[in-house]
Amino acid sequence: MVFRLLQNQYRRARPWIDRLGAALLAVALSPIMAACAVLIKLTSRGPIFYTQERVGKGGRTFTLIKLRTMYQNAEADTGPTWAKGDHRDPRVTPVGRLLRRTHLDEVPQLINVLKGEMSLIGPRPERPSFVEDFREEIPDYEDRLAVKPGITGLAQIRSGYDRTMRDVRRKVKLDKTYINRMCWMVDAAILGRTAIKVFRREKVNR
């Protein structure tokens, strides 16, 4: 009873916590982002930022922002494909591999958080074409859309790249576990674990 009360209070305050955290991080990381932007422009053709439609809370779509890590028009011939390990993905530029290993390409998503489209922590937002497939294959997939998607989350720190539908089902289960247990202690633990993985350059699911 007490836990549920505290949990509900935290959930109501969370949008403001997200925005404050995103604003502080954006200011702190702005010099690094400027350096990354210069590297991207000097080493490959195309824009600095990469935008992509993703599915957020309640099934509403939004435009996710990242630093561009792939060659321009990388999916022109293949269409949407599942992510691969960077060393096996010819679409990724040399600078892009560095940005992905350090997860700096994810930093512009702080803009999505400031706009209220994402949270710092939550289920990873997927592309609409993938969501349509997952909804057909996984009956409870819709449950993970009950909260805003996040830059990091429980499934991201515990799983790798999706290679099979079984991987997706495992992540959906982790996402649902997070949604049910969401509180400041769980979020603090996820942020701490994410920081450790980034510092060690371990893979965090994208």
C-alpha atoms as a PDB file:
ATOM      1  CA  MET A   1       0.000   0.000   0.000  1.00  0.00           C
ATOM      2  CA  VAL A   2       2.729   2.464   0.998  1.00  0.00           C
ATOM      3  CA  PHE A   3       4.881   1.380  -1.945  1.00  0.00           C
ATOM      4  CA  ARG A   4       2.023   1.984  -4.388  1.00  0.00           C
ATOM      5  CA  LEU A   5       1.412   5.430  -2.907  1.00  0.00           C
ATOM      6  CA  LEU A   6       5.078   6.394  -3.212  1.00  0.00           C
ATOM      7  CA  GLN A   7       5.231   4.860  -6.681  1.00  0.00           C
ATOM      8  CA  ASN A   8       2.246   6.928  -7.877  1.00  0.00           C
ATOM      9  CA  GLN A   9       3.752  10.104  -6.434  1.00  0.00           C
ATOM     10  CA  TYR A  10       7.031   9.392  -8.209  1.00  0.00           C
ATOM     11  CA  ARG A  11       5.279   8.731 -11.516  1.00  0.00           C
ATOM     12  CA  ARG A  12       3.468  12.069 -11.296  1.00  0.00           C
ATOM     13  CA  ALA A  13       6.742  13.902 -10.606  1.00  0.00           C
ATOM     14  CA  ARG A  14       8.741  11.960 -13.175  1.00  0.00           C
ATOM     15  CA  PRO A  15       8.094  14.229 -16.223  1.00  0.00           C
ATOM     16  CA  TRP A  16       9.653  17.135 -14.332  1.00  0.00           C
ATOM     17  CA  ILE A  17      12.545  14.973 -13.137  1.00  0.00           C
ATOM     18  CA  ASP A  18      13.125  13.819 -16.720  1.00  0.00           C
ATOM     19  CA  ARG A  19      13.186  17.355 -18.080  1.00  0.00           C
ATOM     20  CA  LEU A  20      15.488  18.641 -15.349  1.00  0.00           C
ATOM     21  CA  GLY A  21      17.877  15.722 -15.819  1.00  0.00           C
ATOM     22  CA  ALA A  22      17.815  16.098 -19.613  1.00  0.00           C
ATOM     23  CA  ALA A  23      18.502  19.840 -19.400  1.00  0.00           C
ATOM     24  CA  LEU A  24      21.482  19.369 -17.073  1.00  0.00           C
ATOM     25  CA  LEU A  25      22.938  16.598 -19.221  1.00  0.00           C
ATOM     26  CA  ALA A  26      22.439  18.585 -22.427  1.00  0.00           C
ATOM     27  CA  VAL A  27      24.362  21.554 -21.019  1.00  0.00           C
ATOM     28  CA  ALA A  28      27.156  19.367 -19.620  1.00  0.00           C
ATOM     29  CA  LEU A  29      27.590  17.414 -22.857  1.00  0.00           C
ATOM     30  CA  SER A  30      27.228  20.294 -25.325  1.00  0.00           C
ATOM     31  CA  PRO A  31      31.017  20.739 -25.902  1.00  0.00           C
ATOM     32  CA  ILE A  32      31.379  17.023 -26.658  1.00  0.00           C
ATOM     33  CA  MET A  33      28.389  17.155 -29.002  1.00  0.00           C
ATOM     34  CA  ALA A  34      29.962  20.061 -30.877  1.00  0.00           C
ATOM     35  CA  ALA A  35      33.167  18.040 -31.371  1.00  0.00           C
ATOM     36  CA  CYS A  36      31.150  15.018 -32.558  1.00  0.00           C
ATOM     37  CA  ALA A  37      29.278  17.200 -35.057  1.00  0.00           C
ATOM     38  CA  VAL A  38      32.563  18.422 -36.557  1.00  0.00           C
ATOM     39  CA  LEU A  39      33.882  14.845 -36.863  1.00  0.00           C
ATOM     40  CA  ILE A  40      30.717  13.666 -38.619  1.00  0.00           C
ATOM     41  CA  LYS A  41      30.801  16.496 -41.152  1.00  0.00           C
ATOM     42  CA  LEU A  42      34.511  16.071 -41.878  1.00  0.00           C
ATOM     43  CA  THR A  43      34.424  12.306 -42.448  1.00  0.00           C
ATOM     44  CA  SER A  44      31.246  11.523 -44.378  1.00  0.00           C
ATOM     45  CA  ARG A  45      28.568  13.127 -46.516  1.00  0.00           C
ATOM     46  CA  GLY A  46      25.178  13.843 -45.063  1.00  0.00           C
ATOM     47  CA  PRO A  47      23.545  15.625 -42.137  1.00  0.00           C
ATOM     48  CA  ILE A  48      24.888  15.666 -38.595  1.00  0.00           C
ATOM     49  CA  PHE A  49      21.654  14.394 -37.124  1.00  0.00           C
ATOM     50  CA  TYR A  50      19.702  11.301 -38.080  1.00  0.00           C
ATOM     51  CA  THR A  51      15.953  11.331 -37.509  1.00  0.00           C
ATOM     52  CA  GLN A  52      13.614   8.377 -37.589  1.00  0.00           C
ATOM     53  CA  GLU A  53       9.967   7.779 -36.816  1.00  0.00           C
ATOM     54  CA  ARG A  54       9.428   5.704 -33.686  1.00  0.00           C
ATOM     55  CA  VAL A  55       6.406   4.513 -31.704  1.00  0.00           C
ATOM     56  CA  GLY A  56       5.950   6.025 -28.259  1.00  0.00           C
ATOM     57  CA  LYS A  57       3.460   5.957 -25.407  1.00  0.00           C
ATOM     58  CA  GLY A  58      -0.012   4.832 -26.415  1.00  0.00           C
ATOM     59  CA  GLY A  59       1.158   3.941 -29.911  1.00  0.00           C
ATOM     60  CA  ARG A  60       1.707   7.588 -30.894  1.00  0.00           C
ATOM     61  CA  THR A  61       4.606   8.181 -33.253  1.00  0.00           C
ATOM     62  CA  PHE A  62       7.334  10.792 -32.847  1.00  0.00           C
ATOM     63  CA  THR A  63      10.616  11.719 -34.491  1.00  0.00           C
ATOM     64  CA  LEU A  64      13.619  10.298 -32.644  1.00  0.00           C
ATOM     65  CA  ILE A  65      16.898  12.237 -32.942  1.00  0.00           C
ATOM     66  CA  LYS A  66      20.411  10.752 -32.989  1.00  0.00           C
ATOM     67  CA  LEU A  67      23.819  11.702 -34.247  1.00  0.00           C
ATOM     68  CA  ARG A  68      24.240  10.101 -37.662  1.00  0.00           C
ATOM     69  CA  THR A  69      26.393   6.964 -37.467  1.00  0.00           C
ATOM     70  CA  MET A  70      25.606   5.419 -40.871  1.00  0.00           C
ATOM     71  CA  TYR A  71      26.443   6.388 -44.406  1.00  0.00           C
ATOM     72  CA  GLN A  72      23.793   8.541 -46.050  1.00  0.00           C
ATOM     73  CA  ASN A  73      20.830   6.550 -47.466  1.00  0.00           C
ATOM     74  CA  ALA A  74      22.216   3.376 -45.886  1.00  0.00           C
ATOM     75  CA  GLU A  75      18.817   1.649 -46.010  1.00  0.00           C
ATOM     76  CA  ALA A  76      17.791   2.812 -49.468  1.00  0.00           C
ATOM     77  CA  ASP A  77      18.216  -0.674 -50.938  1.00  0.00           C
ATOM     78  CA  THR A  78      17.369  -2.834 -47.933  1.00  0.00           C
ATOM     79  CA  GLY A  79      14.553  -0.978 -46.188  1.00  0.00           C
ATOM     80  CA  PRO A  80      14.201  -1.241 -42.378  1.00  0.00           C
ATOM     81  CA  THR A  81      16.460  -3.933 -40.917  1.00  0.00           C
ATOM     82  CA  TRP A  82      17.265  -5.091 -37.406  1.00  0.00           C
ATOM     83  CA  ALA A  83      20.403  -3.649 -35.845  1.00  0.00           C
ATOM     84  CA  LYS A  84      23.616  -5.659 -36.022  1.00  0.00           C
ATOM     85  CA  GLY A  85      26.824  -5.550 -34.077  1.00  0.00           C
ATOM     86  CA  ASP A  86      28.733  -2.521 -35.353  1.00  0.00           C
ATOM     87  CA  HIS A  87      31.752  -4.569 -36.460  1.00  0.00           C
ATOM     88  CA  ARG A  88      29.449  -6.588 -38.752  1.00  0.00           C
ATOM     89  CA  ASP A  89      27.402  -3.697 -40.114  1.00  0.00           C
ATOM     90  CA  PRO A  90      28.839  -2.163 -43.317  1.00  0.00           C
ATOM     91  CA  ARG A  91      26.317   0.685 -43.081  1.00  0.00           C
ATOM     92  CA  VAL A  92      28.149   2.206 -40.090  1.00  0.00           C
ATOM     93  CA  THR A  93      30.886   4.786 -40.685  1.00  0.00           C
ATOM     94  CA  PRO A  94      34.243   4.634 -38.835  1.00  0.00           C
ATOM     95  CA  VAL A  95      33.260   7.665 -36.750  1.00  0.00           C
ATOM     96  CA  GLY A  96      29.842   6.093 -36.277  1.00  0.00           C
ATOM     97  CA  ARG A  97      31.436   3.030 -34.704  1.00  0.00           C
ATOM     98  CA  LEU A  98      33.199   5.264 -32.191  1.00  0.00           C
ATOM     99  CA  LEU A  99      29.996   7.139 -31.420  1.00  0.00           C
ATOM    100  CA  ARG A 100      28.098   3.888 -30.923  1.00  0.00           C
ATOM    101  CA  ARG A 101      30.763   2.346 -28.688  1.00  0.00           C
ATOM    102  CA  THR A 102      30.658   5.428 -26.458  1.00  0.00           C
ATOM    103  CA  HIS A 103      26.866   5.829 -26.879  1.00  0.00           C
ATOM    104  CA  LEU A 104      27.363   9.496 -27.721  1.00  0.00           C
ATOM    105  CA  ASP A 105      25.060   9.087 -30.725  1.00  0.00           C
ATOM    106  CA  GLU A 106      22.172   8.689 -28.267  1.00  0.00           C
ATOM    107  CA  VAL A 107      22.705  12.069 -26.548  1.00  0.00           C
ATOM    108  CA  PRO A 108      20.472  14.110 -28.926  1.00  0.00           C
ATOM    109  CA  GLN A 109      17.528  12.097 -27.624  1.00  0.00           C
ATOM    110  CA  LEU A 110      17.697  14.457 -24.645  1.00  0.00           C
ATOM    111  CA  ILE A 111      15.808  16.793 -26.985  1.00  0.00           C
ATOM    112  CA  ASN A 112      13.047  14.176 -27.217  1.00  0.00           C
ATOM    113  CA  VAL A 113      12.961  14.052 -23.418  1.00  0.00           C
ATOM    114  CA  LEU A 114      12.719  17.843 -23.164  1.00  0.00           C
ATOM    115  CA  LYS A 115       9.846  17.758 -25.667  1.00  0.00           C
ATOM    116  CA  GLY A 116       8.006  15.226 -23.498  1.00  0.00           C
ATOM    117  CA  GLU A 117       8.164  12.450 -26.104  1.00  0.00           C
ATOM    118  CA  MET A 118      10.584  10.243 -24.151  1.00  0.00           C
ATOM    119  CA  SER A 119      11.826   9.627 -20.625  1.00  0.00           C
ATOM    120  CA  LEU A 120      15.383   9.065 -19.511  1.00  0.00           C
ATOM    121  CA  ILE A 121      14.354   5.513 -18.565  1.00  0.00           C
ATOM    122  CA  GLY A 122      11.770   3.279 -20.197  1.00  0.00           C
ATOM    123  CA  PRO A 123      11.187   0.688 -22.950  1.00  0.00           C
ATOM    124  CA  ARG A 124      13.188   1.333 -26.099  1.00  0.00           C
ATOM    125  CA  PRO A 125      11.025   2.911 -28.869  1.00  0.00           C
ATOM    126  CA  GLU A 126      10.730   0.797 -31.996  1.00  0.00           C
ATOM    127  CA  ARG A 127      10.066   1.653 -35.633  1.00  0.00           C
ATOM    128  CA  PRO A 128       6.407   1.468 -36.769  1.00  0.00           C
ATOM    129  CA  SER A 129       7.046  -1.343 -39.253  1.00  0.00           C
ATOM    130  CA  PHE A 130       8.596  -3.490 -36.515  1.00  0.00           C
ATOM    131  CA  VAL A 131       5.826  -2.663 -34.038  1.00  0.00           C
ATOM    132  CA  GLU A 132       3.202  -3.916 -36.502  1.00  0.00           C
ATOM    133  CA  ASP A 133       5.012  -7.254 -36.749  1.00  0.00           C
ATOM    134  CA  PHE A 134       5.559  -7.517 -32.998  1.00  0.00           C
ATOM    135  CA  ARG A 135       1.907  -6.801 -32.249  1.00  0.00           C
ATOM    136  CA  GLU A 136       0.910  -9.760 -34.431  1.00  0.00           C
ATOM    137  CA  GLU A 137       3.504 -12.136 -32.966  1.00  0.00           C
ATOM    138  CA  ILE A 138       3.408 -11.093 -29.284  1.00  0.00           C
ATOM    139  CA  PRO A 139      -0.095 -10.750 -27.748  1.00  0.00           C
ATOM    140  CA  ASP A 140       1.025  -8.581 -24.804  1.00  0.00           C
ATOM    141  CA  TYR A 141       3.352  -6.345 -26.804  1.00  0.00           C
ATOM    142  CA  GLU A 142       0.917  -3.439 -26.424  1.00  0.00           C
ATOM    143  CA  ASP A 143       1.540  -3.411 -22.657  1.00  0.00           C
ATOM    144  CA  ARG A 144       5.022  -1.932 -23.114  1.00  0.00           C
ATOM    145  CA  LEU A 145       3.446   1.145 -24.740  1.00  0.00           C
ATOM    146  CA  ALA A 146       1.775   2.124 -21.443  1.00  0.00           C
ATOM    147  CA  VAL A 147       4.673   4.446 -20.558  1.00  0.00           C
ATOM    148  CA  LYS A 148       6.975   6.792 -22.451  1.00  0.00           C
ATOM    149  CA  PRO A 149       9.939   5.120 -24.132  1.00  0.00           C
ATOM    150  CA  GLY A 150      13.387   5.741 -22.680  1.00  0.00           C
ATOM    151  CA  ILE A 151      16.967   6.381 -23.681  1.00  0.00           C
ATOM    152  CA  THR A 152      17.951   3.512 -21.408  1.00  0.00           C
ATOM    153  CA  GLY A 153      15.993   0.910 -19.475  1.00  0.00           C
ATOM    154  CA  LEU A 154      15.907  -2.499 -17.832  1.00  0.00           C
ATOM    155  CA  ALA A 155      15.739  -4.414 -21.128  1.00  0.00           C
ATOM    156  CA  GLN A 156      18.532  -2.320 -22.639  1.00  0.00           C
ATOM    157  CA  ILE A 157      21.024  -3.104 -19.889  1.00  0.00           C
ATOM    158  CA  ARG A 158      20.151  -6.805 -19.659  1.00  0.00           C
ATOM    159  CA  SER A 159      19.887  -7.787 -23.322  1.00  0.00           C
ATOM    160  CA  GLY A 160      21.857  -7.406 -26.534  1.00  0.00           C
ATOM    161  CA  TYR A 161      20.734  -6.842 -30.094  1.00  0.00           C
ATOM    162  CA  ASP A 162      17.479  -8.461 -31.225  1.00  0.00           C
ATOM    163  CA  ARG A 163      18.216 -11.312 -33.592  1.00  0.00           C
ATOM    164  CA  THR A 164      15.072 -13.410 -33.237  1.00  0.00           C
ATOM    165  CA  MET A 165      11.472 -12.978 -32.121  1.00  0.00           C
ATOM    166  CA  ARG A 166      12.469 -14.853 -28.971  1.00  0.00           C
ATOM    167  CA  ASP A 167      14.827 -11.971 -28.127  1.00  0.00           C
ATOM    168  CA  VAL A 168      11.965  -9.501 -28.574  1.00  0.00           C
ATOM    169  CA  ARG A 169       9.676 -11.545 -26.312  1.00  0.00           C
ATOM    170  CA  ARG A 170      12.351 -11.557 -23.603  1.00  0.00           C
ATOM    171  CA  LYS A 171      12.658  -7.786 -23.811  1.00  0.00           C
ATOM    172  CA  VAL A 172       8.901  -7.309 -23.673  1.00  0.00           C
ATOM    173  CA  LYS A 173       8.879  -9.354 -20.469  1.00  0.00           C
ATOM    174  CA  LEU A 174      11.637  -7.158 -19.007  1.00  0.00           C
ATOM    175  CA  ASP A 175       9.809  -3.999 -20.098  1.00  0.00           C
ATOM    176  CA  LYS A 176       6.624  -5.156 -18.378  1.00  0.00           C
ATOM    177  CA  THR A 177       8.589  -5.982 -15.226  1.00  0.00           C
ATOM    178  CA  TYR A 178      10.024  -2.463 -15.250  1.00  0.00           C
ATOM    179  CA  ILE A 179       6.630  -0.818 -15.776  1.00  0.00           C
ATOM    180  CA  ASN A 180       5.161  -2.717 -12.803  1.00  0.00           C
ATOM    181  CA  ARG A 181       8.101  -1.915 -10.507  1.00  0.00           C
ATOM    182  CA  MET A 182       8.874   1.629 -11.671  1.00  0.00           C
ATOM    183  CA  CYS A 183      10.034   3.765  -8.753  1.00  0.00           C
ATOM    184  CA  TRP A 184      12.949   6.046  -7.923  1.00  0.00           C
ATOM    185  CA  MET A 185      15.034   3.178  -6.534  1.00  0.00           C
ATOM    186  CA  VAL A 186      14.632   1.088  -9.685  1.00  0.00           C
ATOM    187  CA  ASP A 187      15.378   4.082 -11.913  1.00  0.00           C
ATOM    188  CA  ALA A 188      18.467   4.971  -9.872  1.00  0.00           C
ATOM    189  CA  ALA A 189      19.734   1.392 -10.192  1.00  0.00           C
ATOM    190  CA  ILE A 190      19.186   1.399 -13.977  1.00  0.00           C
ATOM    191  CA  LEU A 191      20.955   4.744 -14.378  1.00  0.00           C
ATOM    192  CA  GLY A 192      23.858   3.487 -12.298  1.00  0.00           C
ATOM    193  CA  ARG A 193      24.147   0.279 -14.293  1.00  0.00           C
ATOM    194  CA  THR A 194      23.912   2.219 -17.563  1.00  0.00           C
ATOM    195  CA  ALA A 195      26.723   4.552 -16.454  1.00  0.00           C
ATOM    196  CA  ILE A 196      28.924   1.554 -15.619  1.00  0.00           C
ATOM    197  CA  LYS A 197      28.267  -0.094 -19.003  1.00  0.00           C
ATOM    198  CA  VAL A 198      28.969   3.147 -20.878  1.00  0.00           C
ATOM    199  CA  PHE A 199      32.174   3.726 -18.885  1.00  0.00           C
ATOM    200  CA  ARG A 200      33.329   0.180 -19.645  1.00  0.00           C
ATOM    201  CA  ARG A 201      32.114   0.538 -23.258  1.00  0.00           C
ATOM    202  CA  GLU A 202      29.844  -2.463 -22.871  1.00  0.00           C
ATOM    203  CA  LYS A 203      26.906  -2.882 -25.223  1.00  0.00           C
ATOM    204  CA  VAL A 204      23.657  -1.228 -24.240  1.00  0.00           C
ATOM    205  CA  ASN A 205      20.738  -2.305 -26.408  1.00  0.00           C
ATOM    206  CA  ARG A 206      19.747   0.327 -28.936  1.00  0.00           C
END
